[in-house]
Amino acid sequence: MSMHRVRVKQQASMSVMKKAMDTGEQQGEFINKMLETSGPAQVQQAAHPYKGASVDLSL
């Protein structure tokens, strides 16, 4: 009986680990896709979001 419980725990642990790895892989693919579709201007804006937000005009 205890061997069965150990096996079930191991299988559950493996299932959770595989799910976490799949989720991490999907997130990595999403980030790569987002970086590929955005140009240098969008990456620059993301790095410095405060730049260019306002313009000071004095006449």
C-alpha atoms as a PDB file:
ATOM      1  CA  MET A   1       0.000   0.000   0.000  1.00  0.00           C
ATOM      2  CA  SER A   2       2.753   2.474   0.858  1.00  0.00           C
ATOM      3  CA  MET A   3       4.562   1.764  -2.438  1.00  0.00           C
ATOM      4  CA  HIS A   4       1.379   2.684  -4.280  1.00  0.00           C
ATOM      5  CA  ARG A   5       1.178   5.998  -2.395  1.00  0.00           C
ATOM      6  CA  VAL A   6       4.809   6.779  -3.180  1.00  0.00           C
ATOM      7  CA  ARG A   7       4.219   6.060  -6.862  1.00  0.00           C
ATOM      8  CA  VAL A   8       1.102   8.260  -6.913  1.00  0.00           C
ATOM      9  CA  LYS A   9       3.007  11.108  -5.231  1.00  0.00           C
ATOM     10  CA  GLN A  10       5.834  10.787  -7.744  1.00  0.00           C
ATOM     11  CA  GLN A  11       3.422  10.807 -10.652  1.00  0.00           C
ATOM     12  CA  ALA A  12       1.656  13.867  -9.254  1.00  0.00           C
ATOM     13  CA  SER A  13       4.967  15.660  -8.772  1.00  0.00           C
ATOM     14  CA  MET A  14       6.036  14.855 -12.315  1.00  0.00           C
ATOM     15  CA  SER A  15       2.711  16.070 -13.674  1.00  0.00           C
ATOM     16  CA  VAL A  16       2.998  19.386 -11.830  1.00  0.00           C
ATOM     17  CA  MET A  17       6.609  19.820 -12.965  1.00  0.00           C
ATOM     18  CA  LYS A  18       5.707  19.126 -16.604  1.00  0.00           C
ATOM     19  CA  LYS A  19       2.863  21.634 -16.412  1.00  0.00           C
ATOM     20  CA  ALA A  20       5.186  24.280 -14.951  1.00  0.00           C
ATOM     21  CA  MET A  21       7.757  23.620 -17.664  1.00  0.00           C
ATOM     22  CA  ASP A  22       5.102  23.889 -20.379  1.00  0.00           C
ATOM     23  CA  THR A  23       3.851  27.159 -18.924  1.00  0.00           C
ATOM     24  CA  GLY A  24       7.383  28.561 -18.781  1.00  0.00           C
ATOM     25  CA  GLU A  25       8.018  27.528 -22.372  1.00  0.00           C
ATOM     26  CA  GLN A  26       4.795  29.168 -23.529  1.00  0.00           C
ATOM     27  CA  GLN A  27       5.688  32.387 -21.730  1.00  0.00           C
ATOM     28  CA  GLY A  28       9.137  32.381 -23.300  1.00  0.00           C
ATOM     29  CA  GLU A  29       7.666  31.888 -26.757  1.00  0.00           C
ATOM     30  CA  PHE A  30       5.206  34.727 -26.135  1.00  0.00           C
ATOM     31  CA  ILE A  31       7.995  37.081 -25.060  1.00  0.00           C
ATOM     32  CA  ASN A  32      10.077  36.167 -28.104  1.00  0.00           C
ATOM     33  CA  LYS A  33       7.100  36.768 -30.379  1.00  0.00           C
ATOM     34  CA  MET A  34       6.429  40.139 -28.793  1.00  0.00           C
ATOM     35  CA  LEU A  35      10.065  41.175 -29.198  1.00  0.00           C
ATOM     36  CA  GLU A  36      10.082  40.085 -32.842  1.00  0.00           C
ATOM     37  CA  THR A  37       6.938  42.047 -33.700  1.00  0.00           C
ATOM     38  CA  SER A  38       7.981  45.232 -31.935  1.00  0.00           C
ATOM     39  CA  GLY A  39      10.467  47.528 -33.545  1.00  0.00           C
ATOM     40  CA  PRO A  40      13.386  49.341 -31.947  1.00  0.00           C
ATOM     41  CA  ALA A  41      11.232  52.380 -31.166  1.00  0.00           C
ATOM     42  CA  GLN A  42       8.812  50.304 -29.080  1.00  0.00           C
ATOM     43  CA  VAL A  43      11.670  48.618 -27.222  1.00  0.00           C
ATOM     44  CA  GLN A  44      13.253  52.029 -26.543  1.00  0.00           C
ATOM     45  CA  GLN A  45       9.907  53.387 -25.318  1.00  0.00           C
ATOM     46  CA  ALA A  46       9.469  50.395 -23.020  1.00  0.00           C
ATOM     47  CA  ALA A  47      12.952  50.929 -21.589  1.00  0.00           C
ATOM     48  CA  HIS A  48      12.334  54.646 -20.958  1.00  0.00           C
ATOM     49  CA  PRO A  49       8.566  55.209 -20.728  1.00  0.00           C
ATOM     50  CA  TYR A  50       8.907  58.697 -19.256  1.00  0.00           C
ATOM     51  CA  LYS A  51      10.821  60.133 -22.228  1.00  0.00           C
ATOM     52  CA  GLY A  52       8.742  61.999 -24.752  1.00  0.00           C
ATOM     53  CA  ALA A  53       5.607  61.947 -22.612  1.00  0.00           C
ATOM     54  CA  SER A  54       5.385  65.729 -22.469  1.00  0.00           C
ATOM     55  CA  VAL A  55       6.727  68.702 -24.379  1.00  0.00           C
ATOM     56  CA  ASP A  56       7.635  72.018 -22.757  1.00  0.00           C
ATOM     57  CA  LEU A  57       6.832  74.851 -25.142  1.00  0.00           C
ATOM     58  CA  SER A  58       7.758  78.373 -24.201  1.00  0.00           C
ATOM     59  CA  LEU A  59       7.385  81.287 -26.597  1.00  0.00           C
END
